[in-house]
Amino acid sequence: MSALQTLAAEATVHGSVGSIGYGLAAIGPGIGVGIIFGNGTQALARQPEAAGLIRANQILGFAFCEALALIGIVMPFVFGK
Protein backbone atom coordinates (compact mmCIF):
# COMPACT_ATOMS: atom_id res chain seq x y z
CA MET A 1 0.00 0.00 0.00
CA SER A 2 1.43 3.37 -0.96
CA ALA A 3 1.75 6.28 1.41
CA LEU A 4 -1.06 8.14 -0.36
CA GLN A 5 -3.46 5.20 0.00
CA THR A 6 -2.57 4.86 3.67
CA LEU A 7 -3.20 8.54 4.25
CA ALA A 8 -6.52 8.38 2.40
CA ALA A 9 -7.60 5.30 4.38
CA GLU A 10 -6.81 6.92 7.74
CA ALA A 11 -8.17 10.39 7.00
CA THR A 12 -11.84 11.01 7.49
CA VAL A 13 -13.85 14.04 6.48
CA HIS A 14 -16.05 15.43 9.22
CA GLY A 15 -18.75 18.00 8.56
CA SER A 16 -21.34 18.41 5.92
CA VAL A 17 -21.14 18.89 2.21
CA GLY A 18 -22.85 22.25 2.73
CA SER A 19 -19.83 23.62 4.53
CA ILE A 20 -17.60 22.53 1.67
CA GLY A 21 -20.04 24.14 -0.76
CA TYR A 22 -19.97 27.39 1.17
CA GLY A 23 -16.20 27.35 1.16
CA LEU A 24 -16.26 27.12 -2.60
CA ALA A 25 -19.03 29.73 -2.85
CA ALA A 26 -16.97 32.20 -0.80
CA ILE A 27 -14.12 32.15 -3.31
CA GLY A 28 -16.02 34.22 -5.90
CA PRO A 29 -17.04 37.10 -3.61
CA GLY A 30 -13.56 37.12 -2.10
CA ILE A 31 -11.98 37.59 -5.50
CA GLY A 32 -14.63 40.16 -6.42
CA VAL A 33 -13.98 42.27 -3.33
CA GLY A 34 -10.25 42.20 -4.03
CA ILE A 35 -10.78 43.35 -7.60
CA ILE A 36 -13.21 46.10 -6.54
CA PHE A 37 -10.92 47.64 -3.95
CA GLY A 38 -7.75 47.13 -5.99
CA ASN A 39 -9.19 48.92 -9.00
CA GLY A 40 -10.80 51.54 -6.76
CA THR A 41 -7.43 52.34 -5.23
CA GLN A 42 -5.91 52.71 -8.69
CA ALA A 43 -8.79 54.97 -9.75
CA LEU A 44 -8.36 57.14 -6.66
CA ALA A 45 -4.64 57.45 -7.35
CA ARG A 46 -5.31 58.53 -10.95
CA GLN A 47 -8.19 60.93 -10.25
CA PRO A 48 -8.33 62.06 -6.64
CA GLU A 49 -10.96 64.70 -7.47
CA ALA A 50 -13.49 61.92 -8.24
CA ALA A 51 -13.06 60.30 -4.82
CA GLY A 52 -16.74 60.61 -3.83
CA LEU A 53 -18.06 58.92 -6.95
CA ILE A 54 -15.41 56.21 -6.92
CA ARG A 55 -15.99 55.44 -3.25
CA ALA A 56 -19.76 55.23 -3.76
CA ASN A 57 -19.28 52.77 -6.61
CA GLN A 58 -16.86 50.73 -4.50
CA ILE A 59 -19.36 50.45 -1.66
CA LEU A 60 -22.14 49.43 -4.05
CA GLY A 61 -19.95 46.75 -5.68
CA PHE A 62 -18.83 45.51 -2.26
CA ALA A 63 -22.46 45.19 -1.14
CA PHE A 64 -23.35 43.11 -4.20
CA CYS A 65 -20.35 40.81 -3.67
CA GLU A 66 -21.18 40.33 0.00
CA ALA A 67 -24.81 39.59 -0.91
CA LEU A 68 -23.53 36.68 -2.98
CA ALA A 69 -21.55 35.42 0.01
CA LEU A 70 -24.63 35.64 2.24
CA ILE A 71 -26.66 33.70 -0.30
CA GLY A 72 -23.90 31.09 -0.22
CA ILE A 73 -24.30 30.83 3.56
CA VAL A 74 -28.07 30.36 3.36
CA MET A 75 -28.25 27.84 0.51
CA PRO A 76 -26.86 24.82 2.42
CA PHE A 77 -29.55 25.37 5.06
CA VAL A 78 -32.29 25.71 2.44
CA PHE A 79 -31.33 22.62 0.46
CA GLY A 80 -29.73 20.63 3.29
CA LYS A 81 -31.39 17.61 4.82
PDB file of N, CA and C in Angstrom:
ATOM      1  N   MET A   1       0.849  -1.173   0.000  1.00  0.00           N
ATOM      2  CA  MET A   1       0.000   0.000   0.000  1.00  0.00           C
ATOM      3  C   MET A   1       0.897   1.239   0.000  1.00  0.00           C
ATOM      4  N   SER A   2       0.608   2.170  -0.871  1.00  0.00           N
ATOM      5  CA  SER A   2       1.431   3.369  -0.963  1.00  0.00           C
ATOM      6  C   SER A   2       1.096   4.329   0.183  1.00  0.00           C
ATOM      7  N   ALA A   3       1.940   5.299   0.346  1.00  0.00           N
ATOM      8  CA  ALA A   3       1.748   6.279   1.414  1.00  0.00           C
ATOM      9  C   ALA A   3       0.464   7.082   1.193  1.00  0.00           C
ATOM     10  N   LEU A   4       0.147   7.384  -0.054  1.00  0.00           N
ATOM     11  CA  LEU A   4      -1.062   8.136  -0.363  1.00  0.00           C
ATOM     12  C   LEU A   4      -2.319   7.338  -0.029  1.00  0.00           C
ATOM     13  N   GLN A   5      -2.305   6.052  -0.335  1.00  0.00           N
ATOM     14  CA  GLN A   5      -3.457   5.205  -0.005  1.00  0.00           C
ATOM     15  C   GLN A   5      -3.610   5.061   1.497  1.00  0.00           C
ATOM     16  N   THR A   6      -2.510   4.955   2.217  1.00  0.00           N
ATOM     17  CA  THR A   6      -2.572   4.862   3.672  1.00  0.00           C
ATOM     18  C   THR A   6      -3.138   6.137   4.265  1.00  0.00           C
ATOM     19  N   LEU A   7      -2.697   7.262   3.764  1.00  0.00           N
ATOM     20  CA  LEU A   7      -3.202   8.540   4.246  1.00  0.00           C
ATOM     21  C   LEU A   7      -4.684   8.687   3.957  1.00  0.00           C
ATOM     22  N   ALA A   8      -5.110   8.281   2.771  1.00  0.00           N
ATOM     23  CA  ALA A   8      -6.518   8.376   2.399  1.00  0.00           C
ATOM     24  C   ALA A   8      -7.372   7.430   3.235  1.00  0.00           C
ATOM     25  N   ALA A   9      -6.833   6.264   3.583  1.00  0.00           N
ATOM     26  CA  ALA A   9      -7.600   5.304   4.381  1.00  0.00           C
ATOM     27  C   ALA A   9      -7.750   5.775   5.819  1.00  0.00           C
ATOM     28  N   GLU A  10      -6.759   6.487   6.352  1.00  0.00           N
ATOM     29  CA  GLU A  10      -6.810   6.924   7.744  1.00  0.00           C
ATOM     30  C   GLU A  10      -7.529   8.252   7.915  1.00  0.00           C
ATOM     31  N   ALA A  11      -7.550   9.075   6.896  1.00  0.00           N
ATOM     32  CA  ALA A  11      -8.171  10.390   7.003  1.00  0.00           C
ATOM     33  C   ALA A  11      -9.670  10.273   6.806  1.00  0.00           C
ATOM     34  N   THR A  12     -10.397  10.962   7.642  1.00  0.00           N
ATOM     35  CA  THR A  12     -11.842  11.009   7.494  1.00  0.00           C
ATOM     36  C   THR A  12     -12.271  12.460   7.389  1.00  0.00           C
ATOM     37  N   VAL A  13     -13.324  12.692   6.653  1.00  0.00           N
ATOM     38  CA  VAL A  13     -13.847  14.038   6.478  1.00  0.00           C
ATOM     39  C   VAL A  13     -15.036  14.189   7.406  1.00  0.00           C
ATOM     40  N   HIS A  14     -14.951  15.145   8.305  1.00  0.00           N
ATOM     41  CA  HIS A  14     -16.048  15.428   9.217  1.00  0.00           C
ATOM     42  C   HIS A  14     -16.724  16.719   8.770  1.00  0.00           C
ATOM     43  N   GLY A  15     -18.015  16.817   8.955  1.00  0.00           N
ATOM     44  CA  GLY A  15     -18.754  18.003   8.556  1.00  0.00           C
ATOM     45  C   GLY A  15     -19.716  17.657   7.453  1.00  0.00           C
ATOM     46  N   SER A  16     -20.355  18.642   6.959  1.00  0.00           N
ATOM     47  CA  SER A  16     -21.342  18.412   5.918  1.00  0.00           C
ATOM     48  C   SER A  16     -20.837  18.909   4.580  1.00  0.00           C
ATOM     49  N   VAL A  17     -21.490  18.458   3.569  1.00  0.00           N
ATOM     50  CA  VAL A  17     -21.143  18.888   2.215  1.00  0.00           C
ATOM     51  C   VAL A  17     -21.487  20.365   2.043  1.00  0.00           C
ATOM     52  N   GLY A  18     -22.476  20.837   2.808  1.00  0.00           N
ATOM     53  CA  GLY A  18     -22.854  22.251   2.734  1.00  0.00           C
ATOM     54  C   GLY A  18     -21.717  23.176   3.132  1.00  0.00           C
ATOM     55  N   SER A  19     -20.943  22.774   4.120  1.00  0.00           N
ATOM     56  CA  SER A  19     -19.827  23.618   4.531  1.00  0.00           C
ATOM     57  C   SER A  19     -18.737  23.654   3.463  1.00  0.00           C
ATOM     58  N   ILE A  20     -18.549  22.544   2.782  1.00  0.00           N
ATOM     59  CA  ILE A  20     -17.596  22.532   1.670  1.00  0.00           C
ATOM     60  C   ILE A  20     -18.122  23.406   0.528  1.00  0.00           C
ATOM     61  N   GLY A  21     -19.423  23.307   0.280  1.00  0.00           N
ATOM     62  CA  GLY A  21     -20.036  24.136  -0.759  1.00  0.00           C
ATOM     63  C   GLY A  21     -19.921  25.610  -0.453  1.00  0.00           C
ATOM     64  N   TYR A  22     -20.114  25.977   0.818  1.00  0.00           N
ATOM     65  CA  TYR A  22     -19.971  27.389   1.168  1.00  0.00           C
ATOM     66  C   TYR A  22     -18.532  27.844   1.007  1.00  0.00           C
ATOM     67  N   GLY A  23     -17.595  26.990   1.355  1.00  0.00           N
ATOM     68  CA  GLY A  23     -16.195  27.351   1.163  1.00  0.00           C
ATOM     69  C   GLY A  23     -15.883  27.647  -0.287  1.00  0.00           C
ATOM     70  N   LEU A  24     -16.448  26.856  -1.179  1.00  0.00           N
ATOM     71  CA  LEU A  24     -16.264  27.117  -2.605  1.00  0.00           C
ATOM     72  C   LEU A  24     -17.037  28.348  -3.046  1.00  0.00           C
ATOM     73  N   ALA A  25     -18.221  28.565  -2.464  1.00  0.00           N
ATOM     74  CA  ALA A  25     -19.025  29.728  -2.847  1.00  0.00           C
ATOM     75  C   ALA A  25     -18.402  31.031  -2.359  1.00  0.00           C
ATOM     76  N   ALA A  26     -17.582  30.986  -1.334  1.00  0.00           N
ATOM     77  CA  ALA A  26     -16.968  32.196  -0.802  1.00  0.00           C
ATOM     78  C   ALA A  26     -15.766  32.645  -1.623  1.00  0.00           C
ATOM     79  N   ILE A  27     -15.288  31.790  -2.497  1.00  0.00           N
ATOM     80  CA  ILE A  27     -14.123  32.153  -3.314  1.00  0.00           C
ATOM     81  C   ILE A  27     -14.472  33.291  -4.274  1.00  0.00           C
ATOM     82  N   GLY A  28     -15.616  33.199  -4.929  1.00  0.00           N
ATOM     83  CA  GLY A  28     -16.023  34.220  -5.903  1.00  0.00           C
ATOM     84  C   GLY A  28     -16.157  35.608  -5.299  1.00  0.00           C
ATOM     85  N   PRO A  29     -16.953  35.765  -4.224  1.00  0.00           N
ATOM     86  CA  PRO A  29     -17.040  37.096  -3.614  1.00  0.00           C
ATOM     87  C   PRO A  29     -15.711  37.599  -3.073  1.00  0.00           C
ATOM     88  N   GLY A  30     -14.869  36.692  -2.587  1.00  0.00           N
ATOM     89  CA  GLY A  30     -13.555  37.117  -2.098  1.00  0.00           C
ATOM     90  C   GLY A  30     -12.705  37.707  -3.209  1.00  0.00           C
ATOM     91  N   ILE A  31     -12.719  37.062  -4.344  1.00  0.00           N
ATOM     92  CA  ILE A  31     -11.981  37.586  -5.501  1.00  0.00           C
ATOM     93  C   ILE A  31     -12.606  38.898  -5.968  1.00  0.00           C
ATOM     94  N   GLY A  32     -13.934  38.944  -5.984  1.00  0.00           N
ATOM     95  CA  GLY A  32     -14.627  40.158  -6.423  1.00  0.00           C
ATOM     96  C   GLY A  32     -14.316  41.362  -5.555  1.00  0.00           C
ATOM     97  N   VAL A  33     -14.292  41.165  -4.237  1.00  0.00           N
ATOM     98  CA  VAL A  33     -13.982  42.271  -3.325  1.00  0.00           C
ATOM     99  C   VAL A  33     -12.550  42.741  -3.551  1.00  0.00           C
ATOM    100  N   GLY A  34     -11.638  41.813  -3.760  1.00  0.00           N
ATOM    101  CA  GLY A  34     -10.255  42.195  -4.033  1.00  0.00           C
ATOM    102  C   GLY A  34     -10.118  43.009  -5.308  1.00  0.00           C
ATOM    103  N   ILE A  35     -10.831  42.611  -6.334  1.00  0.00           N
ATOM    104  CA  ILE A  35     -10.784  43.352  -7.602  1.00  0.00           C
ATOM    105  C   ILE A  35     -11.391  44.739  -7.438  1.00  0.00           C
ATOM    106  N   ILE A  36     -12.528  44.807  -6.727  1.00  0.00           N
ATOM    107  CA  ILE A  36     -13.206  46.099  -6.540  1.00  0.00           C
ATOM    108  C   ILE A  36     -12.296  47.101  -5.843  1.00  0.00           C
ATOM    109  N   PHE A  37     -11.719  46.695  -4.710  1.00  0.00           N
ATOM    110  CA  PHE A  37     -10.917  47.642  -3.945  1.00  0.00           C
ATOM    111  C   PHE A  37      -9.552  47.882  -4.582  1.00  0.00           C
ATOM    112  N   GLY A  38      -9.011  46.905  -5.285  1.00  0.00           N
ATOM    113  CA  GLY A  38      -7.754  47.127  -5.995  1.00  0.00           C
ATOM    114  C   GLY A  38      -7.912  48.142  -7.109  1.00  0.00           C
ATOM    115  N   ASN A  39      -8.962  47.965  -7.904  1.00  0.00           N
ATOM    116  CA  ASN A  39      -9.194  48.916  -8.999  1.00  0.00           C
ATOM    117  C   ASN A  39      -9.662  50.267  -8.472  1.00  0.00           C
ATOM    118  N   GLY A  40     -10.391  50.267  -7.364  1.00  0.00           N
ATOM    119  CA  GLY A  40     -10.801  51.542  -6.758  1.00  0.00           C
ATOM    120  C   GLY A  40      -9.610  52.342  -6.267  1.00  0.00           C
ATOM    121  N   THR A  41      -8.638  51.662  -5.691  1.00  0.00           N
ATOM    122  CA  THR A  41      -7.430  52.337  -5.230  1.00  0.00           C
ATOM    123  C   THR A  41      -6.654  52.925  -6.407  1.00  0.00           C
ATOM    124  N   GLN A  42      -6.573  52.178  -7.500  1.00  0.00           N
ATOM    125  CA  GLN A  42      -5.913  52.712  -8.694  1.00  0.00           C
ATOM    126  C   GLN A  42      -6.664  53.925  -9.241  1.00  0.00           C
ATOM    127  N   ALA A  43      -7.995  53.843  -9.238  1.00  0.00           N
ATOM    128  CA  ALA A  43      -8.789  54.968  -9.750  1.00  0.00           C
ATOM    129  C   ALA A  43      -8.615  56.203  -8.871  1.00  0.00           C
ATOM    130  N   LEU A  44      -8.570  55.998  -7.557  1.00  0.00           N
ATOM    131  CA  LEU A  44      -8.362  57.142  -6.661  1.00  0.00           C
ATOM    132  C   LEU A  44      -6.977  57.747  -6.838  1.00  0.00           C
ATOM    133  N   ALA A  45      -5.991  56.934  -7.134  1.00  0.00           N
ATOM    134  CA  ALA A  45      -4.641  57.452  -7.355  1.00  0.00           C
ATOM    135  C   ALA A  45      -4.571  58.244  -8.656  1.00  0.00           C
ATOM    136  N   ARG A  46      -5.343  57.842  -9.649  1.00  0.00           N
ATOM    137  CA  ARG A  46      -5.307  58.530 -10.948  1.00  0.00           C
ATOM    138  C   ARG A  46      -6.145  59.801 -10.953  1.00  0.00           C
ATOM    139  N   GLN A  47      -7.310  59.762 -10.266  1.00  0.00           N
ATOM    140  CA  GLN A  47      -8.195  60.929 -10.252  1.00  0.00           C
ATOM    141  C   GLN A  47      -8.701  61.183  -8.836  1.00  0.00           C
ATOM    142  N   PRO A  48      -7.917  61.830  -8.024  1.00  0.00           N
ATOM    143  CA  PRO A  48      -8.333  62.064  -6.641  1.00  0.00           C
ATOM    144  C   PRO A  48      -9.553  62.983  -6.525  1.00  0.00           C
ATOM    145  N   GLU A  49      -9.804  63.794  -7.535  1.00  0.00           N
ATOM    146  CA  GLU A  49     -10.961  64.695  -7.471  1.00  0.00           C
ATOM    147  C   GLU A  49     -12.283  63.952  -7.613  1.00  0.00           C
ATOM    148  N   ALA A  50     -12.263  62.726  -8.090  1.00  0.00           N
ATOM    149  CA  ALA A  50     -13.491  61.925  -8.239  1.00  0.00           C
ATOM    150  C   ALA A  50     -13.651  60.924  -7.098  1.00  0.00           C
ATOM    151  N   ALA A  51     -13.083  61.248  -5.936  1.00  0.00           N
ATOM    152  CA  ALA A  51     -13.065  60.303  -4.816  1.00  0.00           C
ATOM    153  C   ALA A  51     -14.471  59.935  -4.350  1.00  0.00           C
ATOM    154  N   GLY A  52     -15.379  60.892  -4.298  1.00  0.00           N
ATOM    155  CA  GLY A  52     -16.739  60.609  -3.826  1.00  0.00           C
ATOM    156  C   GLY A  52     -17.468  59.616  -4.713  1.00  0.00           C
ATOM    157  N   LEU A  53     -17.394  59.811  -6.004  1.00  0.00           N
ATOM    158  CA  LEU A  53     -18.060  58.921  -6.955  1.00  0.00           C
ATOM    159  C   LEU A  53     -17.424  57.530  -6.954  1.00  0.00           C
ATOM    160  N   ILE A  54     -16.110  57.497  -6.919  1.00  0.00           N
ATOM    161  CA  ILE A  54     -15.408  56.208  -6.923  1.00  0.00           C
ATOM    162  C   ILE A  54     -15.727  55.434  -5.651  1.00  0.00           C
ATOM    163  N   ARG A  55     -15.716  56.108  -4.513  1.00  0.00           N
ATOM    164  CA  ARG A  55     -15.989  55.439  -3.247  1.00  0.00           C
ATOM    165  C   ARG A  55     -17.417  54.915  -3.200  1.00  0.00           C
ATOM    166  N   ALA A  56     -18.365  55.688  -3.736  1.00  0.00           N
ATOM    167  CA  ALA A  56     -19.758  55.231  -3.761  1.00  0.00           C
ATOM    168  C   ALA A  56     -19.902  53.975  -4.621  1.00  0.00           C
ATOM    169  N   ASN A  57     -19.237  53.951  -5.759  1.00  0.00           N
ATOM    170  CA  ASN A  57     -19.284  52.766  -6.613  1.00  0.00           C
ATOM    171  C   ASN A  57     -18.593  51.566  -5.962  1.00  0.00           C
ATOM    172  N   GLN A  58     -17.524  51.817  -5.212  1.00  0.00           N
ATOM    173  CA  GLN A  58     -16.857  50.735  -4.499  1.00  0.00           C
ATOM    174  C   GLN A  58     -17.788  50.116  -3.458  1.00  0.00           C
ATOM    175  N   ILE A  59     -18.467  50.953  -2.704  1.00  0.00           N
ATOM    176  CA  ILE A  59     -19.360  50.448  -1.661  1.00  0.00           C
ATOM    177  C   ILE A  59     -20.514  49.673  -2.275  1.00  0.00           C
ATOM    178  N   LEU A  60     -21.053  50.138  -3.377  1.00  0.00           N
ATOM    179  CA  LEU A  60     -22.136  49.431  -4.052  1.00  0.00           C
ATOM    180  C   LEU A  60     -21.656  48.066  -4.571  1.00  0.00           C
ATOM    181  N   GLY A  61     -20.498  48.019  -5.193  1.00  0.00           N
ATOM    182  CA  GLY A  61     -19.953  46.752  -5.675  1.00  0.00           C
ATOM    183  C   GLY A  61     -19.634  45.799  -4.533  1.00  0.00           C
ATOM    184  N   PHE A  62     -19.119  46.331  -3.432  1.00  0.00           N
ATOM    185  CA  PHE A  62     -18.833  45.514  -2.258  1.00  0.00           C
ATOM    186  C   PHE A  62     -20.120  44.913  -1.698  1.00  0.00           C
ATOM    187  N   ALA A  63     -21.184  45.697  -1.654  1.00  0.00           N
ATOM    188  CA  ALA A  63     -22.463  45.194  -1.138  1.00  0.00           C
ATOM    189  C   ALA A  63     -22.997  44.058  -2.007  1.00  0.00           C
ATOM    190  N   PHE A  64     -22.885  44.187  -3.317  1.00  0.00           N
ATOM    191  CA  PHE A  64     -23.348  43.111  -4.198  1.00  0.00           C
ATOM    192  C   PHE A  64     -22.517  41.841  -4.021  1.00  0.00           C
ATOM    193  N   CYS A  65     -21.201  41.990  -3.885  1.00  0.00           N
ATOM    194  CA  CYS A  65     -20.349  40.808  -3.674  1.00  0.00           C
ATOM    195  C   CYS A  65     -20.668  40.138  -2.342  1.00  0.00           C
ATOM    196  N   GLU A  66     -20.872  40.909  -1.305  1.00  0.00           N
ATOM    197  CA  GLU A  66     -21.184  40.327  -0.004  1.00  0.00           C
ATOM    198  C   GLU A  66     -22.573  39.700   0.001  1.00  0.00           C
ATOM    199  N   ALA A  67     -23.497  40.221  -0.799  1.00  0.00           N
ATOM    200  CA  ALA A  67     -24.809  39.585  -0.911  1.00  0.00           C
ATOM    201  C   ALA A  67     -24.677  38.184  -1.494  1.00  0.00           C
ATOM    202  N   LEU A  68     -23.771  38.013  -2.446  1.00  0.00           N
ATOM    203  CA  LEU A  68     -23.531  36.675  -2.984  1.00  0.00           C
ATOM    204  C   LEU A  68     -22.973  35.740  -1.920  1.00  0.00           C
ATOM    205  N   ALA A  69     -22.098  36.252  -1.067  1.00  0.00           N
ATOM    206  CA  ALA A  69     -21.549  35.425   0.007  1.00  0.00           C
ATOM    207  C   ALA A  69     -22.642  35.040   1.001  1.00  0.00           C
ATOM    208  N   LEU A  70     -23.534  35.955   1.311  1.00  0.00           N
ATOM    209  CA  LEU A  70     -24.630  35.642   2.239  1.00  0.00           C
ATOM    210  C   LEU A  70     -25.590  34.619   1.640  1.00  0.00           C
ATOM    211  N   ILE A  71     -25.827  34.715   0.356  1.00  0.00           N
ATOM    212  CA  ILE A  71     -26.662  33.704  -0.302  1.00  0.00           C
ATOM    213  C   ILE A  71     -25.972  32.348  -0.214  1.00  0.00           C
ATOM    214  N   GLY A  72     -24.649  32.335  -0.350  1.00  0.00           N
ATOM    215  CA  GLY A  72     -23.898  31.092  -0.220  1.00  0.00           C
ATOM    216  C   GLY A  72     -23.999  30.497   1.171  1.00  0.00           C
ATOM    217  N   ILE A  73     -24.121  31.330   2.198  1.00  0.00           N
ATOM    218  CA  ILE A  73     -24.295  30.826   3.561  1.00  0.00           C
ATOM    219  C   ILE A  73     -25.669  30.190   3.728  1.00  0.00           C
ATOM    220  N   VAL A  74     -26.687  30.796   3.147  1.00  0.00           N
ATOM    221  CA  VAL A  74     -28.068  30.357   3.357  1.00  0.00           C
ATOM    222  C   VAL A  74     -28.413  29.104   2.561  1.00  0.00           C
ATOM    223  N   MET A  75     -27.859  28.951   1.385  1.00  0.00           N
ATOM    224  CA  MET A  75     -28.254  27.840   0.506  1.00  0.00           C
ATOM    225  C   MET A  75     -28.049  26.441   1.104  1.00  0.00           C
ATOM    226  N   PRO A  76     -26.959  26.169   1.823  1.00  0.00           N
ATOM    227  CA  PRO A  76     -26.865  24.824   2.424  1.00  0.00           C
ATOM    228  C   PRO A  76     -27.982  24.544   3.421  1.00  0.00           C
ATOM    229  N   PHE A  77     -28.457  25.569   4.112  1.00  0.00           N
ATOM    230  CA  PHE A  77     -29.555  25.371   5.055  1.00  0.00           C
ATOM    231  C   PHE A  77     -30.876  25.162   4.327  1.00  0.00           C
ATOM    232  N   VAL A  78     -31.032  25.834   3.200  1.00  0.00           N
ATOM    233  CA  VAL A  78     -32.285  25.706   2.444  1.00  0.00           C
ATOM    234  C   VAL A  78     -32.376  24.335   1.798  1.00  0.00           C
ATOM    235  N   PHE A  79     -31.301  23.873   1.189  1.00  0.00           N
ATOM    236  CA  PHE A  79     -31.328  22.616   0.455  1.00  0.00           C
ATOM    237  C   PHE A  79     -30.800  21.424   1.259  1.00  0.00           C
ATOM    238  N   GLY A  80     -30.275  21.708   2.468  1.00  0.00           N
ATOM    239  CA  GLY A  80     -29.733  20.626   3.290  1.00  0.00           C
ATOM    240  C   GLY A  80     -30.823  19.738   3.845  1.00  0.00           C
ATOM    241  N   LYS A  81     -30.419  18.542   4.261  1.00  0.00           N
ATOM    242  CA  LYS A  81     -31.393  17.607   4.815  1.00  0.00           C
ATOM    243  C   LYS A  81     -31.153  17.403   6.281  1.00  0.00           C
TER     244      LYS A  81
END
